[in-house]
């Protein structure tokens, strides 16, 4: 039984900070940029959530 290329799981795009980019295609570079933008947004959202949680705790204990 032959497995078609379309049926194989696609390699997950990953990026290692500082890695050599000389052999990476323009399309893959764009995918990595998108991946990193999504990660930045996720991190920034967590910062906001944690700051709000800390502010709520600070205001509760400073009665």
Protein backbone atom coordinates (compact mmCIF):
# COMPACT_ATOMS: atom_id res chain seq x y z
CA UNK A 1 0.00 0.00 0.00
CA UNK A 2 1.47 3.32 -1.10
CA UNK A 3 0.91 6.41 0.96
CA UNK A 4 0.38 9.56 -1.07
CA UNK A 5 2.39 12.63 -0.06
CA UNK A 6 -0.87 14.47 0.64
CA UNK A 7 -1.87 11.83 3.20
CA UNK A 8 1.32 12.15 5.24
CA UNK A 9 1.26 14.41 8.25
CA UNK A 10 2.79 17.77 7.45
CA UNK A 11 5.92 18.77 9.28
CA UNK A 12 5.08 21.26 11.98
CA UNK A 13 6.79 24.58 11.45
CA UNK A 14 9.15 25.40 14.28
CA UNK A 15 11.66 28.13 14.80
CA UNK A 16 14.73 28.14 16.95
CA UNK A 17 16.00 31.59 17.87
CA UNK A 18 19.36 32.24 16.22
CA UNK A 19 19.16 29.30 13.82
CA UNK A 20 20.79 29.42 10.38
CA UNK A 21 18.27 30.74 7.86
CA UNK A 22 20.37 30.36 4.71
CA UNK A 23 18.58 27.20 3.55
CA UNK A 24 15.05 28.27 4.54
CA UNK A 25 12.64 29.24 1.76
CA UNK A 26 10.84 32.57 1.65
CA UNK A 27 7.52 30.78 2.21
CA UNK A 28 8.85 29.00 5.28
CA UNK A 29 10.28 32.26 6.60
CA UNK A 30 6.82 33.81 6.26
CA UNK A 31 5.29 30.85 8.10
CA UNK A 32 7.84 31.26 10.88
CA UNK A 33 7.08 34.98 11.14
CA UNK A 34 3.36 34.19 11.43
CA UNK A 35 4.09 31.56 14.07
CA UNK A 36 6.19 34.01 16.08
CA UNK A 37 3.55 36.75 15.78
CA UNK A 38 0.94 34.35 17.16
CA UNK A 39 3.27 33.44 20.02
CA UNK A 40 3.94 37.13 20.80
CA UNK A 41 0.19 37.79 20.91
CA UNK A 42 -0.29 34.81 23.24
CA UNK A 43 2.49 36.01 25.54
CA UNK A 44 1.18 39.58 25.60
CA UNK A 45 -2.33 38.34 26.43
CA UNK A 46 -0.92 36.34 29.34
CA UNK A 47 0.95 39.41 30.61
CA UNK A 48 -2.31 41.38 30.59
CA UNK A 49 -4.13 38.56 32.38
CA UNK A 50 -1.44 38.26 35.04
CA UNK A 51 -1.26 42.02 35.58
CA UNK A 52 -5.02 42.18 36.04
CA UNK A 53 -4.89 39.29 38.49
CA UNK A 54 -2.05 40.93 40.44
CA UNK A 55 -3.88 44.28 40.50
CA UNK A 56 -7.02 42.62 41.83
CA UNK A 57 -5.03 40.85 44.55
CA UNK A 58 -3.17 44.05 45.47
CA UNK A 59 -6.40 46.03 45.79
CA UNK A 60 -8.01 43.28 47.89
CA UNK A 61 -5.13 43.11 50.38
CA UNK A 62 -4.58 46.89 50.64
CA UNK A 63 -7.93 47.57 52.29
